[in-house]
Amino acid sequence: MRNHFEKPLVGTIALVTGATRGLGKGIAVGLAEAGATVYLTGRTTTATAESMGSLEETAAAVTKAGGVALPVQVDHSDDDQVRALFERIESEQGGRLDLLVNNAYAGVSALKAAYGKPFWESEPDFWDACNTVGLRSHYVASVYAARLMVPQRRGLICTLSSWGGLSYIFGVPYGVGKAACDRMAADMAVELKKYQVTSLSIWPGIVGTELMTQFAAEMGLGANSGGGAPADSIKANYNWETPLLTGRVIAALAADPEVSRRTGQVQIVAELAREYGVVDADGHRPASLRSLRFVLPSAVPGLQPHADLVPDIELPWPFLLLGPLGSPKV
């Protein structure tokens, strides 16, 4: 049996929004491995053929990983439901909340429908589909979380964003929304700093979630010339991460007594994994998307099998805008 020191988040009260599948589920399990008590939100309570996941399944995975699961059905487009969620946390935990992970996102179906079209060929509600349950819902959850964290003068708010905040990926509403998430996390940090509450923007790499894998397959992304099924070639793509890596990294951040030194910053999952000594589910550690170890093998045919021989050195941001991340392709 592991002792308390191997589970540094025992007694930590966390909330992960959008936890039925994908990144949310992986984050919840990563926190559970460290012993956290995790509130889980999502719209789907039990699994169906269409859902690809449920709160019930995530709660079981959290319990299996060693944490305490508290699933709550919440539609994050409904402010009243969100307010009720935080009132429940306040009542059940004596006003305590240590960690909020803003992850809920409802835009994948809209991204699939609009993929390859210029913005003017999509209806204006494409913006809302990307940024209501996403950017706006992250702000609303942060408001209520801060009301619990500020009086206790501690807490961590992690807002999931992406490299789409840096350069064009998936379309105008997506990129603007992610850039806004980064700015929101930074500006919240300014106002929260004197209360010892930390606000960060978190950038995973290329994550093989259920929906993203399906999206990539349907869009023909990642297919190779070997004749295999698109989904098979996508799963074999170089340097992909699992959702668990993000969860383990956020757990390391939450356990770091000096995490406040990072407040207001964009934090890249692969770079934090290296710093904290965290590995992915398969025991490996992917390179940051701005690392020479990722960029060079991606640009040079045949080099990917030998990527481990390339130095893991981060490149300057301006280079990336001209390089592989300056392309609209994933």
Protein backbone atom coordinates (compact mmCIF):
# COMPACT_ATOMS: atom_id res chain seq x y z
CA MET A 1 0.00 0.00 0.00
CA ARG A 2 1.23 3.51 -0.86
CA ASN A 3 1.81 5.91 1.97
CA HIS A 4 0.76 9.54 2.20
CA PHE A 5 4.00 10.78 0.69
CA GLU A 6 3.39 8.76 -2.46
CA LYS A 7 -0.08 10.33 -2.72
CA PRO A 8 0.65 14.02 -2.23
CA LEU A 9 -2.91 15.16 -2.97
CA VAL A 10 -4.66 13.21 -0.20
CA GLY A 11 -7.15 15.66 1.29
CA THR A 12 -7.04 17.94 -1.79
CA ILE A 13 -10.46 18.97 -3.12
CA ALA A 14 -10.46 19.27 -6.91
CA LEU A 15 -13.04 19.97 -9.60
CA VAL A 16 -12.56 18.80 -13.18
CA THR A 17 -15.16 20.08 -15.63
CA GLY A 18 -16.07 18.07 -18.72
CA ALA A 19 -14.79 14.82 -17.25
CA THR A 20 -16.84 12.19 -19.04
CA ARG A 21 -14.08 11.35 -21.52
CA GLY A 22 -10.91 12.57 -23.18
CA LEU A 23 -8.71 15.09 -21.41
CA GLY A 24 -11.16 15.56 -18.55
CA LYS A 25 -11.19 11.86 -17.75
CA GLY A 26 -7.40 11.61 -18.02
CA ILE A 27 -6.95 14.63 -15.75
CA ALA A 28 -9.34 13.18 -13.17
CA VAL A 29 -7.47 9.86 -13.15
CA GLY A 30 -4.10 11.62 -12.87
CA LEU A 31 -5.35 13.53 -9.83
CA ALA A 32 -6.79 10.33 -8.38
CA GLU A 33 -3.41 8.60 -8.64
CA ALA A 34 -2.12 11.31 -6.31
CA GLY A 35 -4.99 10.70 -3.88
CA ALA A 36 -7.25 13.68 -4.58
CA THR A 37 -10.97 13.96 -3.96
CA VAL A 38 -12.32 14.87 -7.40
CA TYR A 39 -15.64 16.42 -8.32
CA LEU A 40 -16.44 15.43 -11.91
CA THR A 41 -18.88 17.23 -14.17
CA GLY A 42 -20.43 16.29 -17.47
CA ARG A 43 -23.78 16.02 -19.20
CA THR A 44 -23.74 12.23 -19.64
CA THR A 45 -24.21 10.17 -16.50
CA THR A 46 -24.32 6.67 -18.01
CA ALA A 47 -22.64 5.33 -21.13
CA THR A 48 -24.49 5.01 -24.43
CA ALA A 49 -23.39 3.89 -27.87
CA GLU A 50 -23.06 7.53 -28.93
CA SER A 51 -21.53 9.05 -25.79
CA MET A 52 -17.97 7.63 -25.88
CA GLY A 53 -17.91 7.96 -22.10
CA SER A 54 -19.89 8.90 -19.02
CA LEU A 55 -19.54 10.28 -15.50
CA GLU A 56 -20.20 6.77 -14.22
CA GLU A 57 -17.22 5.38 -16.13
CA THR A 58 -14.91 8.22 -15.09
CA ALA A 59 -15.96 7.87 -11.46
CA ALA A 60 -15.10 4.17 -11.59
CA ALA A 61 -11.70 4.97 -13.10
CA VAL A 62 -11.00 7.59 -10.43
CA THR A 63 -11.88 5.15 -7.66
CA LYS A 64 -9.73 2.44 -9.22
CA ALA A 65 -6.79 4.88 -9.43
CA GLY A 66 -6.99 5.59 -5.70
CA GLY A 67 -8.97 8.82 -5.50
CA VAL A 68 -12.43 9.78 -4.29
CA ALA A 69 -14.94 10.44 -7.08
CA LEU A 70 -17.91 12.80 -6.71
CA PRO A 71 -19.73 12.92 -10.05
CA VAL A 72 -22.22 15.74 -10.68
CA GLN A 73 -24.33 16.09 -13.82
CA VAL A 74 -23.84 19.66 -15.06
CA ASP A 75 -24.46 21.45 -18.35
CA HIS A 76 -21.83 24.20 -18.32
CA SER A 77 -23.90 26.33 -20.70
CA ASP A 78 -26.40 26.79 -17.84
CA ASP A 79 -25.10 29.28 -15.26
CA ASP A 80 -27.68 28.19 -12.69
CA GLN A 81 -26.40 24.61 -12.81
CA VAL A 82 -22.83 25.83 -12.42
CA ARG A 83 -23.76 28.00 -9.45
CA ALA A 84 -25.55 25.04 -7.84
CA LEU A 85 -22.44 22.91 -8.34
CA PHE A 86 -20.25 25.35 -6.42
CA GLU A 87 -22.86 25.74 -3.71
CA ARG A 88 -22.76 21.97 -3.29
CA ILE A 89 -18.96 21.95 -3.07
CA GLU A 90 -19.05 24.78 -0.55
CA SER A 91 -21.61 22.93 1.58
CA GLU A 92 -19.98 19.50 1.40
CA GLN A 93 -16.38 20.66 1.83
CA GLY A 94 -16.84 23.44 4.37
CA GLY A 95 -16.08 26.14 1.82
CA ARG A 96 -12.89 24.47 0.60
CA LEU A 97 -11.80 24.07 -3.02
CA ASP A 98 -8.10 23.63 -3.78
CA LEU A 99 -8.04 23.05 -7.54
CA LEU A 100 -10.27 23.93 -10.49
CA VAL A 101 -9.48 22.43 -13.89
CA ASN A 102 -11.40 24.29 -16.61
CA ASN A 103 -11.72 21.63 -19.28
CA ALA A 104 -15.36 21.45 -20.45
CA TYR A 105 -15.60 21.98 -24.22
CA ALA A 106 -18.53 21.44 -26.57
CA GLY A 107 -17.08 22.58 -29.89
CA VAL A 108 -15.71 19.41 -31.46
CA SER A 109 -18.83 18.61 -33.50
CA ALA A 110 -18.94 22.18 -34.81
CA LEU A 111 -15.25 22.02 -35.71
CA LYS A 112 -15.88 18.84 -37.66
CA ALA A 113 -18.79 20.42 -39.53
CA ALA A 114 -16.83 23.56 -40.40
CA TYR A 115 -13.45 21.98 -41.13
CA GLY A 116 -11.90 23.27 -44.35
CA LYS A 117 -14.37 26.16 -44.76
CA PRO A 118 -13.47 29.83 -44.44
CA PHE A 119 -15.27 31.48 -41.52
CA TRP A 120 -17.80 33.33 -43.72
CA GLU A 121 -19.16 30.05 -45.08
CA SER A 122 -20.15 28.91 -41.58
CA GLU A 123 -23.07 30.33 -39.64
CA PRO A 124 -22.22 32.89 -36.95
CA ASP A 125 -23.26 30.44 -34.25
CA PHE A 126 -20.04 28.52 -35.02
CA TRP A 127 -18.48 31.06 -32.63
CA ASP A 128 -20.90 30.16 -29.85
CA ALA A 129 -20.43 26.43 -30.39
CA CYS A 130 -16.67 26.85 -29.88
CA ASN A 131 -16.67 29.42 -27.10
CA THR A 132 -19.80 29.11 -24.95
CA VAL A 133 -18.88 25.81 -23.31
CA GLY A 134 -15.20 26.55 -23.45
CA LEU A 135 -14.09 30.15 -23.00
CA ARG A 136 -17.25 31.54 -21.35
CA SER A 137 -17.87 28.50 -19.18
CA HIS A 138 -14.25 28.63 -17.99
CA TYR A 139 -14.78 32.23 -16.90
CA VAL A 140 -18.02 31.42 -15.06
CA ALA A 141 -16.46 28.46 -13.22
CA SER A 142 -13.43 30.57 -12.32
CA VAL A 143 -15.67 33.27 -10.81
CA TYR A 144 -17.27 30.77 -8.44
CA ALA A 145 -14.02 28.97 -7.71
CA ALA A 146 -12.28 32.24 -6.82
CA ARG A 147 -15.07 33.04 -4.36
CA LEU A 148 -14.07 29.91 -2.46
CA MET A 149 -10.30 30.18 -2.93
CA VAL A 150 -9.74 33.86 -2.13
CA PRO A 151 -11.02 33.68 1.49
CA GLN A 152 -8.83 30.63 2.18
CA ARG A 153 -5.88 32.38 0.48
CA ARG A 154 -4.84 29.34 -1.52
CA GLY A 155 -5.86 27.56 -4.67
CA LEU A 156 -4.95 26.69 -8.25
CA ILE A 157 -7.00 27.34 -11.39
CA CYS A 158 -5.81 25.51 -14.51
CA THR A 159 -7.48 26.50 -17.77
CA LEU A 160 -7.04 24.04 -20.63
CA SER A 161 -6.03 25.83 -23.81
CA SER A 162 -3.94 24.78 -26.81
CA TRP A 163 -1.30 25.66 -29.35
CA GLY A 164 -4.22 27.09 -31.35
CA GLY A 165 -3.74 30.20 -29.23
CA LEU A 166 -0.40 30.69 -30.98
CA SER A 167 -1.19 29.97 -34.62
CA TYR A 168 -4.01 28.95 -36.93
CA ILE A 169 -5.61 25.56 -36.20
CA PHE A 170 -9.20 24.48 -36.95
CA GLY A 171 -10.60 27.92 -37.80
CA VAL A 172 -11.14 31.45 -36.53
CA PRO A 173 -13.46 30.86 -33.53
CA TYR A 174 -11.24 28.07 -32.21
CA GLY A 175 -7.99 30.02 -32.35
CA VAL A 176 -9.47 33.24 -30.97
CA GLY A 177 -11.09 31.27 -28.14
CA LYS A 178 -7.82 29.61 -27.17
CA ALA A 179 -5.88 32.87 -27.30
CA ALA A 180 -8.59 34.35 -25.08
CA CYS A 181 -8.24 31.46 -22.62
CA ASP A 182 -4.54 32.25 -22.33
CA ARG A 183 -5.23 35.95 -21.77
CA MET A 184 -8.00 35.18 -19.28
CA ALA A 185 -5.69 32.96 -17.22
CA ALA A 186 -3.00 35.66 -17.27
CA ASP A 187 -5.35 38.49 -16.30
CA MET A 188 -7.02 36.45 -13.56
CA ALA A 189 -3.55 35.81 -12.18
CA VAL A 190 -2.97 39.56 -11.79
CA GLU A 191 -6.06 39.97 -9.63
CA LEU A 192 -5.61 36.71 -7.68
CA LYS A 193 -1.91 36.97 -6.93
CA LYS A 194 -2.18 38.91 -3.67
CA TYR A 195 -4.54 36.22 -2.38
CA GLN A 196 -2.03 33.42 -3.10
CA VAL A 197 -4.31 31.88 -5.74
CA THR A 198 -2.49 30.70 -8.87
CA SER A 199 -3.96 30.86 -12.38
CA LEU A 200 -2.34 29.00 -15.29
CA SER A 201 -3.06 28.20 -18.91
CA ILE A 202 -2.24 24.60 -19.81
CA TRP A 203 -1.22 23.48 -23.31
CA PRO A 204 -1.23 19.73 -23.95
CA GLY A 205 0.46 18.46 -27.09
CA ILE A 206 -1.28 16.32 -29.71
CA VAL A 207 -3.63 14.30 -27.53
CA GLY A 208 -5.27 11.13 -28.82
CA THR A 209 -8.66 11.64 -27.17
CA GLU A 210 -11.65 9.63 -28.37
CA LEU A 211 -13.23 12.59 -30.17
CA MET A 212 -10.00 13.97 -31.58
CA THR A 213 -9.00 10.58 -32.97
CA GLN A 214 -12.42 10.23 -34.59
CA PHE A 215 -12.25 13.80 -35.90
CA ALA A 216 -8.81 13.26 -37.41
CA ALA A 217 -9.91 10.01 -39.02
CA GLU A 218 -13.01 11.57 -40.55
CA MET A 219 -11.03 14.56 -41.83
CA GLY A 220 -8.37 12.29 -43.34
CA LEU A 221 -5.63 13.68 -41.10
CA GLY A 222 -2.71 11.44 -40.29
CA ALA A 223 -3.40 8.80 -42.90
CA ASN A 224 -0.28 7.33 -44.45
CA SER A 225 0.42 5.63 -47.73
CA GLY A 226 0.63 2.18 -46.21
CA GLY A 227 -2.98 1.34 -46.90
CA GLY A 228 -3.95 0.97 -43.25
CA ALA A 229 -7.15 2.32 -41.75
CA PRO A 230 -6.93 6.06 -40.99
CA ALA A 231 -7.61 5.52 -37.29
CA ASP A 232 -4.76 3.01 -37.08
CA SER A 233 -2.29 5.38 -38.70
CA ILE A 234 -3.48 8.25 -36.51
CA LYS A 235 -2.89 6.27 -33.33
CA ALA A 236 0.61 5.48 -34.56
CA ASN A 237 1.38 9.17 -35.23
CA TYR A 238 4.61 10.48 -33.84
CA ASN A 239 4.68 12.13 -30.41
CA TRP A 240 1.00 11.85 -29.52
CA GLU A 241 0.11 12.06 -25.83
CA THR A 242 -2.60 10.33 -23.81
CA PRO A 243 -4.95 12.38 -21.62
CA LEU A 244 -3.35 10.82 -18.54
CA LEU A 245 -0.13 12.78 -19.08
CA THR A 246 -1.96 16.07 -18.65
CA GLY A 247 -3.58 14.69 -15.49
CA ARG A 248 -0.27 13.64 -14.01
CA VAL A 249 1.28 17.01 -14.82
CA ILE A 250 -1.60 18.94 -13.21
CA ALA A 251 -1.28 16.68 -10.16
CA ALA A 252 2.41 17.61 -9.97
CA LEU A 253 1.53 21.31 -10.23
CA ALA A 254 -1.07 20.98 -7.48
CA ALA A 255 1.49 19.28 -5.22
CA ASP A 256 4.22 21.85 -5.91
CA PRO A 257 4.55 24.23 -2.92
CA GLU A 258 6.14 26.80 -5.24
CA VAL A 259 3.53 26.66 -8.02
CA SER A 260 2.71 30.35 -7.49
CA ARG A 261 5.94 31.31 -9.25
CA ARG A 262 4.29 30.20 -12.49
CA THR A 263 1.10 32.22 -12.09
CA GLY A 264 -0.18 33.94 -15.21
CA GLN A 265 1.94 31.82 -17.54
CA VAL A 266 1.24 29.36 -20.32
CA GLN A 267 2.53 25.97 -19.20
CA ILE A 268 3.29 23.25 -21.75
CA VAL A 269 2.46 19.74 -20.60
CA ALA A 270 5.45 17.99 -22.18
CA GLU A 271 7.89 20.54 -20.73
CA LEU A 272 6.37 20.24 -17.25
CA ALA A 273 6.49 16.44 -17.55
CA ARG A 274 10.22 16.64 -18.12
CA GLU A 275 10.70 19.09 -15.26
CA TYR A 276 8.65 17.08 -12.76
CA GLY A 277 9.84 13.66 -13.97
CA VAL A 278 6.37 12.61 -15.10
CA VAL A 279 5.81 9.96 -17.79
CA ASP A 280 2.81 9.04 -19.92
CA ALA A 281 0.72 5.89 -19.57
CA ASP A 282 3.21 3.84 -21.61
CA GLY A 283 6.19 5.01 -19.53
CA HIS A 284 7.48 7.37 -22.21
CA ARG A 285 7.68 11.15 -22.22
CA PRO A 286 6.72 13.00 -25.43
CA ALA A 287 8.62 16.06 -26.61
CA SER A 288 7.18 19.55 -26.51
CA LEU A 289 5.81 20.67 -29.87
CA ARG A 290 8.40 23.46 -29.81
CA SER A 291 11.26 21.08 -29.09
CA LEU A 292 13.87 20.38 -31.73
CA ARG A 293 13.16 16.70 -30.94
CA PHE A 294 9.64 17.14 -32.34
CA VAL A 295 10.19 19.79 -35.01
CA LEU A 296 13.16 18.27 -36.82
CA PRO A 297 11.81 14.69 -37.19
CA SER A 298 8.47 16.13 -38.29
CA ALA A 299 10.20 18.06 -41.06
CA VAL A 300 12.73 15.44 -42.20
CA PRO A 301 11.30 12.24 -43.74
CA GLY A 302 12.64 9.06 -42.16
CA LEU A 303 13.99 10.74 -39.03
CA GLN A 304 11.07 9.97 -36.72
CA PRO A 305 12.31 6.49 -35.71
CA HIS A 306 15.52 8.14 -34.51
CA ALA A 307 13.89 11.11 -32.75
CA ASP A 308 15.38 10.16 -29.38
CA LEU A 309 18.81 11.04 -30.78
CA VAL A 310 17.74 14.65 -31.42
CA PRO A 311 18.39 17.09 -28.54
CA ASP A 312 15.29 17.98 -26.51
CA ILE A 313 15.82 21.74 -26.80
CA GLU A 314 12.97 24.29 -27.00
CA LEU A 315 13.00 26.58 -30.01
CA PRO A 316 12.16 30.31 -29.80
CA TRP A 317 8.48 31.17 -30.29
CA PRO A 318 9.00 33.26 -33.48
CA PHE A 319 10.50 30.22 -35.22
CA LEU A 320 7.33 28.24 -34.57
CA LEU A 321 5.14 30.79 -36.31
CA LEU A 322 7.16 30.19 -39.47
CA GLY A 323 7.55 26.46 -38.95
CA PRO A 324 5.21 23.49 -38.47
CA LEU A 325 2.86 25.25 -36.05
CA GLY A 326 2.27 28.02 -38.56
CA SER A 327 0.34 25.56 -40.73
CA PRO A 328 -3.42 24.96 -40.51
CA LYS A 329 -2.82 21.22 -40.45
CA VAL A 330 -2.64 19.28 -37.19
